[in-house]
Amino acid sequence: MKQYSVVKIKTLKKKFEHTELSFGSRAPRVGDIATVIDVYDGAFDLECCDQNGITIWLEVFKPSDAELELM
């Protein structure tokens, strides 16, 4: 995964919960398309936005959290 890569969530292996502390309006779902915002050692930030650029969700993912497909 590289910064600014676009990915599609094929499967989720971790349950993400949306809370009042979450950024965005909901948790990630299978089928969502997201952009890699930042890459860390063993994790990366993914952001999913709507057609107007409004953040739907922003989460830290580990490689084991989901199966992702590069778009």
PDB file of N, CA and C in Angstrom:
ATOM      1  N   MET A   1       0.844  -1.182   0.000  1.00  0.00           N
ATOM      2  CA  MET A   1       0.000   0.000   0.000  1.00  0.00           C
ATOM      3  C   MET A   1       0.888   1.243   0.000  1.00  0.00           C
ATOM      4  N   LYS A   2       0.581   2.148  -0.889  1.00  0.00           N
ATOM      5  CA  LYS A   2       1.304   3.412  -0.929  1.00  0.00           C
ATOM      6  C   LYS A   2       0.327   4.550  -0.641  1.00  0.00           C
ATOM      7  N   GLN A   3       0.878   5.651  -0.164  1.00  0.00           N
ATOM      8  CA  GLN A   3       0.055   6.829   0.110  1.00  0.00           C
ATOM      9  C   GLN A   3      -0.682   7.241  -1.165  1.00  0.00           C
ATOM     10  N   TYR A   4      -1.956   7.549  -1.015  1.00  0.00           N
ATOM     11  CA  TYR A   4      -2.871   7.981  -2.073  1.00  0.00           C
ATOM     12  C   TYR A   4      -3.333   6.856  -2.995  1.00  0.00           C
ATOM     13  N   SER A   5      -3.003   5.604  -2.667  1.00  0.00           N
ATOM     14  CA  SER A   5      -3.585   4.489  -3.404  1.00  0.00           C
ATOM     15  C   SER A   5      -5.085   4.455  -3.123  1.00  0.00           C
ATOM     16  N   VAL A   6      -5.859   4.031  -4.106  1.00  0.00           N
ATOM     17  CA  VAL A   6      -7.304   3.887  -3.941  1.00  0.00           C
ATOM     18  C   VAL A   6      -7.606   2.399  -3.853  1.00  0.00           C
ATOM     19  N   VAL A   7      -8.384   2.023  -2.840  1.00  0.00           N
ATOM     20  CA  VAL A   7      -8.677   0.613  -2.587  1.00  0.00           C
ATOM     21  C   VAL A   7     -10.176   0.402  -2.385  1.00  0.00           C
ATOM     22  N   LYS A   8     -10.592  -0.827  -2.618  1.00  0.00           N
ATOM     23  CA  LYS A   8     -11.972  -1.240  -2.356  1.00  0.00           C
ATOM     24  C   LYS A   8     -11.933  -2.305  -1.275  1.00  0.00           C
ATOM     25  N   ILE A   9     -12.829  -2.211  -0.295  1.00  0.00           N
ATOM     26  CA  ILE A   9     -12.894  -3.211   0.771  1.00  0.00           C
ATOM     27  C   ILE A   9     -13.625  -4.439   0.238  1.00  0.00           C
ATOM     28  N   LYS A  10     -12.899  -5.563   0.148  1.00  0.00           N
ATOM     29  CA  LYS A  10     -13.499  -6.815  -0.318  1.00  0.00           C
ATOM     30  C   LYS A  10     -14.100  -7.599   0.834  1.00  0.00           C
ATOM     31  N   THR A  11     -13.398  -7.665   1.956  1.00  0.00           N
ATOM     32  CA  THR A  11     -13.907  -8.317   3.166  1.00  0.00           C
ATOM     33  C   THR A  11     -13.379  -7.570   4.381  1.00  0.00           C
ATOM     34  N   LEU A  12     -14.150  -7.574   5.446  1.00  0.00           N
ATOM     35  CA  LEU A  12     -13.706  -7.035   6.732  1.00  0.00           C
ATOM     36  C   LEU A  12     -13.476  -8.192   7.682  1.00  0.00           C
ATOM     37  N   LYS A  13     -12.312  -8.206   8.306  1.00  0.00           N
ATOM     38  CA  LYS A  13     -11.969  -9.259   9.258  1.00  0.00           C
ATOM     39  C   LYS A  13     -12.017  -8.732  10.691  1.00  0.00           C
ATOM     40  N   LYS A  14     -12.339  -7.453  10.829  1.00  0.00           N
ATOM     41  CA  LYS A  14     -12.458  -6.791  12.128  1.00  0.00           C
ATOM     42  C   LYS A  14     -13.758  -5.996  12.104  1.00  0.00           C
ATOM     43  N   LYS A  15     -14.443  -5.943  13.231  1.00  0.00           N
ATOM     44  CA  LYS A  15     -15.671  -5.152  13.312  1.00  0.00           C
ATOM     45  C   LYS A  15     -15.301  -3.729  13.721  1.00  0.00           C
ATOM     46  N   PHE A  16     -15.579  -2.789  12.839  1.00  0.00           N
ATOM     47  CA  PHE A  16     -15.363  -1.380  13.132  1.00  0.00           C
ATOM     48  C   PHE A  16     -16.672  -0.815  13.662  1.00  0.00           C
ATOM     49  N   GLU A  17     -16.605  -0.061  14.744  1.00  0.00           N
ATOM     50  CA  GLU A  17     -17.798   0.513  15.362  1.00  0.00           C
ATOM     51  C   GLU A  17     -17.759   2.031  15.233  1.00  0.00           C
ATOM     52  N   HIS A  18     -18.878   2.608  14.848  1.00  0.00           N
ATOM     53  CA  HIS A  18     -18.992   4.064  14.799  1.00  0.00           C
ATOM     54  C   HIS A  18     -19.482   4.553  16.160  1.00  0.00           C
ATOM     55  N   THR A  19     -18.746   5.458  16.763  1.00  0.00           N
ATOM     56  CA  THR A  19     -19.116   6.036  18.057  1.00  0.00           C
ATOM     57  C   THR A  19     -19.080   7.558  17.948  1.00  0.00           C
ATOM     58  N   GLU A  20     -19.403   8.224  19.037  1.00  0.00           N
ATOM     59  CA  GLU A  20     -19.350   9.686  19.040  1.00  0.00           C
ATOM     60  C   GLU A  20     -17.921  10.204  18.893  1.00  0.00           C
ATOM     61  N   LEU A  21     -16.923   9.353  19.119  1.00  0.00           N
ATOM     62  CA  LEU A  21     -15.523   9.746  18.948  1.00  0.00           C
ATOM     63  C   LEU A  21     -15.006   9.464  17.542  1.00  0.00           C
ATOM     64  N   SER A  22     -15.796   8.778  16.725  1.00  0.00           N
ATOM     65  CA  SER A  22     -15.392   8.435  15.363  1.00  0.00           C
ATOM     66  C   SER A  22     -15.433   9.676  14.472  1.00  0.00           C
ATOM     67  N   PHE A  23     -14.580   9.659  13.446  1.00  0.00           N
ATOM     68  CA  PHE A  23     -14.579  10.733  12.464  1.00  0.00           C
ATOM     69  C   PHE A  23     -15.391  10.263  11.266  1.00  0.00           C
ATOM     70  N   GLY A  24     -16.416  11.000  10.897  1.00  0.00           N
ATOM     71  CA  GLY A  24     -17.286  10.633   9.791  1.00  0.00           C
ATOM     72  C   GLY A  24     -18.665  10.253  10.301  1.00  0.00           C
ATOM     73  N   SER A  25     -19.470   9.694   9.394  1.00  0.00           N
ATOM     74  CA  SER A  25     -20.873   9.430   9.720  1.00  0.00           C
ATOM     75  C   SER A  25     -21.205   7.965   9.955  1.00  0.00           C
ATOM     76  N   ARG A  26     -20.264   7.057   9.637  1.00  0.00           N
ATOM     77  CA  ARG A  26     -20.520   5.629   9.850  1.00  0.00           C
ATOM     78  C   ARG A  26     -19.214   4.854   9.820  1.00  0.00           C
ATOM     79  N   ALA A  27     -19.316   3.564  10.106  1.00  0.00           N
ATOM     80  CA  ALA A  27     -18.163   2.661  10.090  1.00  0.00           C
ATOM     81  C   ALA A  27     -17.930   2.120   8.675  1.00  0.00           C
ATOM     82  N   PRO A  28     -16.730   1.617   8.399  1.00  0.00           N
ATOM     83  CA  PRO A  28     -16.441   1.009   7.097  1.00  0.00           C
ATOM     84  C   PRO A  28     -17.334  -0.196   6.811  1.00  0.00           C
ATOM     85  N   ARG A  29     -17.638  -0.397   5.519  1.00  0.00           N
ATOM     86  CA  ARG A  29     -18.446  -1.520   5.053  1.00  0.00           C
ATOM     87  C   ARG A  29     -17.776  -2.170   3.843  1.00  0.00           C
ATOM     88  N   VAL A  30     -18.085  -3.443   3.638  1.00  0.00           N
ATOM     89  CA  VAL A  30     -17.620  -4.134   2.436  1.00  0.00           C
ATOM     90  C   VAL A  30     -18.181  -3.384   1.228  1.00  0.00           C
ATOM     91  N   GLY A  31     -17.324  -3.180   0.224  1.00  0.00           N
ATOM     92  CA  GLY A  31     -17.717  -2.468  -0.987  1.00  0.00           C
ATOM     93  C   GLY A  31     -17.322  -1.004  -0.999  1.00  0.00           C
ATOM     94  N   ASP A  32     -16.974  -0.451   0.168  1.00  0.00           N
ATOM     95  CA  ASP A  32     -16.552   0.951   0.224  1.00  0.00           C
ATOM     96  C   ASP A  32     -15.249   1.142  -0.540  1.00  0.00           C
ATOM     97  N   ILE A  33     -15.110   2.309  -1.138  1.00  0.00           N
ATOM     98  CA  ILE A  33     -13.872   2.696  -1.821  1.00  0.00           C
ATOM     99  C   ILE A  33     -13.232   3.788  -0.976  1.00  0.00           C
ATOM    100  N   ALA A  34     -11.932   3.631  -0.729  1.00  0.00           N
ATOM    101  CA  ALA A  34     -11.230   4.550   0.164  1.00  0.00           C
ATOM    102  C   ALA A  34      -9.848   4.878  -0.399  1.00  0.00           C
ATOM    103  N   THR A  35      -9.274   5.936   0.144  1.00  0.00           N
ATOM    104  CA  THR A  35      -7.931   6.370  -0.223  1.00  0.00           C
ATOM    105  C   THR A  35      -6.999   6.165   0.961  1.00  0.00           C
ATOM    106  N   VAL A  36      -5.787   5.681   0.666  1.00  0.00           N
ATOM    107  CA  VAL A  36      -4.756   5.542   1.699  1.00  0.00           C
ATOM    108  C   VAL A  36      -4.222   6.944   1.974  1.00  0.00           C
ATOM    109  N   ILE A  37      -4.475   7.442   3.177  1.00  0.00           N
ATOM    110  CA  ILE A  37      -4.064   8.795   3.547  1.00  0.00           C
ATOM    111  C   ILE A  37      -2.632   8.822   4.064  1.00  0.00           C
ATOM    112  N   ASP A  38      -2.275   7.843   4.871  1.00  0.00           N
ATOM    113  CA  ASP A  38      -0.921   7.774   5.417  1.00  0.00           C
ATOM    114  C   ASP A  38      -0.563   6.328   5.664  1.00  0.00           C
ATOM    115  N   VAL A  39       0.725   6.028   5.579  1.00  0.00           N
ATOM    116  CA  VAL A  39       1.224   4.670   5.786  1.00  0.00           C
ATOM    117  C   VAL A  39       2.186   4.701   6.960  1.00  0.00           C
ATOM    118  N   TYR A  40       1.956   3.798   7.913  1.00  0.00           N
ATOM    119  CA  TYR A  40       2.804   3.674   9.095  1.00  0.00           C
ATOM    120  C   TYR A  40       3.465   2.306   9.072  1.00  0.00           C
ATOM    121  N   ASP A  41       4.286   2.044  10.054  1.00  0.00           N
ATOM    122  CA  ASP A  41       4.907   0.737  10.190  1.00  0.00           C
ATOM    123  C   ASP A  41       3.849  -0.239  10.707  1.00  0.00           C
ATOM    124  N   GLY A  42       3.275  -1.045   9.817  1.00  0.00           N
ATOM    125  CA  GLY A  42       2.292  -2.035  10.222  1.00  0.00           C
ATOM    126  C   GLY A  42       0.852  -1.565  10.222  1.00  0.00           C
ATOM    127  N   ALA A  43       0.566  -0.367   9.703  1.00  0.00           N
ATOM    128  CA  ALA A  43      -0.814   0.132   9.660  1.00  0.00           C
ATOM    129  C   ALA A  43      -0.907   1.255   8.626  1.00  0.00           C
ATOM    130  N   PHE A  44      -2.138   1.646   8.318  1.00  0.00           N
ATOM    131  CA  PHE A  44      -2.351   2.766   7.406  1.00  0.00           C
ATOM    132  C   PHE A  44      -3.708   3.397   7.677  1.00  0.00           C
ATOM    133  N   ASP A  45      -3.809   4.705   7.404  1.00  0.00           N
ATOM    134  CA  ASP A  45      -5.071   5.430   7.520  1.00  0.00           C
ATOM    135  C   ASP A  45      -5.807   5.305   6.196  1.00  0.00           C
ATOM    136  N   LEU A  46      -7.088   4.942   6.261  1.00  0.00           N
ATOM    137  CA  LEU A  46      -7.949   4.919   5.085  1.00  0.00           C
ATOM    138  C   LEU A  46      -9.076   5.919   5.301  1.00  0.00           C
ATOM    139  N   GLU A  47      -9.411   6.664   4.237  1.00  0.00           N
ATOM    140  CA  GLU A  47     -10.526   7.603   4.294  1.00  0.00           C
ATOM    141  C   GLU A  47     -11.474   7.327   3.134  1.00  0.00           C
ATOM    142  N   CYS A  48     -12.749   7.239   3.451  1.00  0.00           N
ATOM    143  CA  CYS A  48     -13.809   7.067   2.467  1.00  0.00           C
ATOM    144  C   CYS A  48     -14.620   8.357   2.445  1.00  0.00           C
ATOM    145  N   CYS A  49     -14.795   8.934   1.250  1.00  0.00           N
ATOM    146  CA  CYS A  49     -15.530  10.190   1.107  1.00  0.00           C
ATOM    147  C   CYS A  49     -16.705  10.011   0.158  1.00  0.00           C
ATOM    148  N   ASP A  50     -17.700  10.906   0.301  1.00  0.00           N
ATOM    149  CA  ASP A  50     -18.821  10.882  -0.639  1.00  0.00           C
ATOM    150  C   ASP A  50     -18.447  11.682  -1.891  1.00  0.00           C
ATOM    151  N   GLN A  51     -19.374  11.813  -2.822  1.00  0.00           N
ATOM    152  CA  GLN A  51     -19.104  12.479  -4.098  1.00  0.00           C
ATOM    153  C   GLN A  51     -18.792  13.963  -3.949  1.00  0.00           C
ATOM    154  N   ASN A  52     -19.122  14.539  -2.791  1.00  0.00           N
ATOM    155  CA  ASN A  52     -18.822  15.949  -2.530  1.00  0.00           C
ATOM    156  C   ASN A  52     -17.543  16.150  -1.726  1.00  0.00           C
ATOM    157  N   GLY A  53     -16.836  15.056  -1.437  1.00  0.00           N
ATOM    158  CA  GLY A  53     -15.595  15.148  -0.679  1.00  0.00           C
ATOM    159  C   GLY A  53     -15.777  15.151   0.824  1.00  0.00           C
ATOM    160  N   ILE A  54     -17.000  14.896   1.299  1.00  0.00           N
ATOM    161  CA  ILE A  54     -17.268  14.841   2.735  1.00  0.00           C
ATOM    162  C   ILE A  54     -16.867  13.460   3.252  1.00  0.00           C
ATOM    163  N   THR A  55     -16.141  13.429   4.354  1.00  0.00           N
ATOM    164  CA  THR A  55     -15.671  12.168   4.920  1.00  0.00           C
ATOM    165  C   THR A  55     -16.833  11.338   5.444  1.00  0.00           C
ATOM    166  N   ILE A  56     -16.918  10.088   4.956  1.00  0.00           N
ATOM    167  CA  ILE A  56     -17.895   9.122   5.459  1.00  0.00           C
ATOM    168  C   ILE A  56     -17.297   8.397   6.656  1.00  0.00           C
ATOM    169  N   TRP A  57     -16.030   7.998   6.529  1.00  0.00           N
ATOM    170  CA  TRP A  57     -15.301   7.417   7.651  1.00  0.00           C
ATOM    171  C   TRP A  57     -13.806   7.584   7.427  1.00  0.00           C
ATOM    172  N   LEU A  58     -13.072   7.588   8.530  1.00  0.00           N
ATOM    173  CA  LEU A  58     -11.608   7.660   8.546  1.00  0.00           C
ATOM    174  C   LEU A  58     -11.157   6.720   9.644  1.00  0.00           C
ATOM    175  N   GLU A  59     -10.404   5.693   9.273  1.00  0.00           N
ATOM    176  CA  GLU A  59     -10.000   4.664  10.239  1.00  0.00           C
ATOM    177  C   GLU A  59      -8.560   4.239  10.013  1.00  0.00           C
ATOM    178  N   VAL A  60      -7.937   3.770  11.077  1.00  0.00           N
ATOM    179  CA  VAL A  60      -6.624   3.132  10.989  1.00  0.00           C
ATOM    180  C   VAL A  60      -6.858   1.643  10.750  1.00  0.00           C
ATOM    181  N   PHE A  61      -6.254   1.112   9.707  1.00  0.00           N
ATOM    182  CA  PHE A  61      -6.354  -0.305   9.364  1.00  0.00           C
ATOM    183  C   PHE A  61      -4.994  -0.969   9.517  1.00  0.00           C
ATOM    184  N   LYS A  62      -4.995  -2.173  10.024  1.00  0.00           N
ATOM    185  CA  LYS A  62      -3.836  -3.054   9.976  1.00  0.00           C
ATOM    186  C   LYS A  62      -4.065  -3.982   8.790  1.00  0.00           C
ATOM    187  N   PRO A  63      -3.028  -4.541   8.203  1.00  0.00           N
ATOM    188  CA  PRO A  63      -3.225  -5.444   7.067  1.00  0.00           C
ATOM    189  C   PRO A  63      -4.163  -6.619   7.377  1.00  0.00           C
ATOM    190  N   SER A  64      -4.218  -7.044   8.631  1.00  0.00           N
ATOM    191  CA  SER A  64      -5.067  -8.176   9.000  1.00  0.00           C
ATOM    192  C   SER A  64      -6.539  -7.782   9.210  1.00  0.00           C
ATOM    193  N   ASP A  65      -6.872  -6.491   9.155  1.00  0.00           N
ATOM    194  CA  ASP A  65      -8.240  -6.031   9.417  1.00  0.00           C
ATOM    195  C   ASP A  65      -9.188  -6.225   8.238  1.00  0.00           C
ATOM    196  N   ALA A  66      -8.642  -6.287   7.025  1.00  0.00           N
ATOM    197  CA  ALA A  66      -9.502  -6.360   5.853  1.00  0.00           C
ATOM    198  C   ALA A  66      -8.740  -6.897   4.645  1.00  0.00           C
ATOM    199  N   GLU A  67      -9.484  -7.410   3.685  1.00  0.00           N
ATOM    200  CA  GLU A  67      -8.929  -7.758   2.382  1.00  0.00           C
ATOM    201  C   GLU A  67      -9.272  -6.589   1.470  1.00  0.00           C
ATOM    202  N   LEU A  68      -8.237  -5.957   0.897  1.00  0.00           N
ATOM    203  CA  LEU A  68      -8.418  -4.779   0.084  1.00  0.00           C
ATOM    204  C   LEU A  68      -7.976  -5.059  -1.354  1.00  0.00           C
ATOM    205  N   GLU A  69      -8.657  -4.436  -2.294  1.00  0.00           N
ATOM    206  CA  GLU A  69      -8.328  -4.559  -3.707  1.00  0.00           C
ATOM    207  C   GLU A  69      -7.885  -3.196  -4.216  1.00  0.00           C
ATOM    208  N   LEU A  70      -6.688  -3.124  -4.802  1.00  0.00           N
ATOM    209  CA  LEU A  70      -6.228  -1.874  -5.399  1.00  0.00           C
ATOM    210  C   LEU A  70      -7.091  -1.546  -6.603  1.00  0.00           C
ATOM    211  N   MET A  71      -7.499  -0.313  -6.715  1.00  0.00           N
ATOM    212  CA  MET A  71      -8.347   0.113  -7.830  1.00  0.00           C
ATOM    213  C   MET A  71      -7.481   0.728  -8.934  1.00  0.00           C
TER     214      MET A  71
END
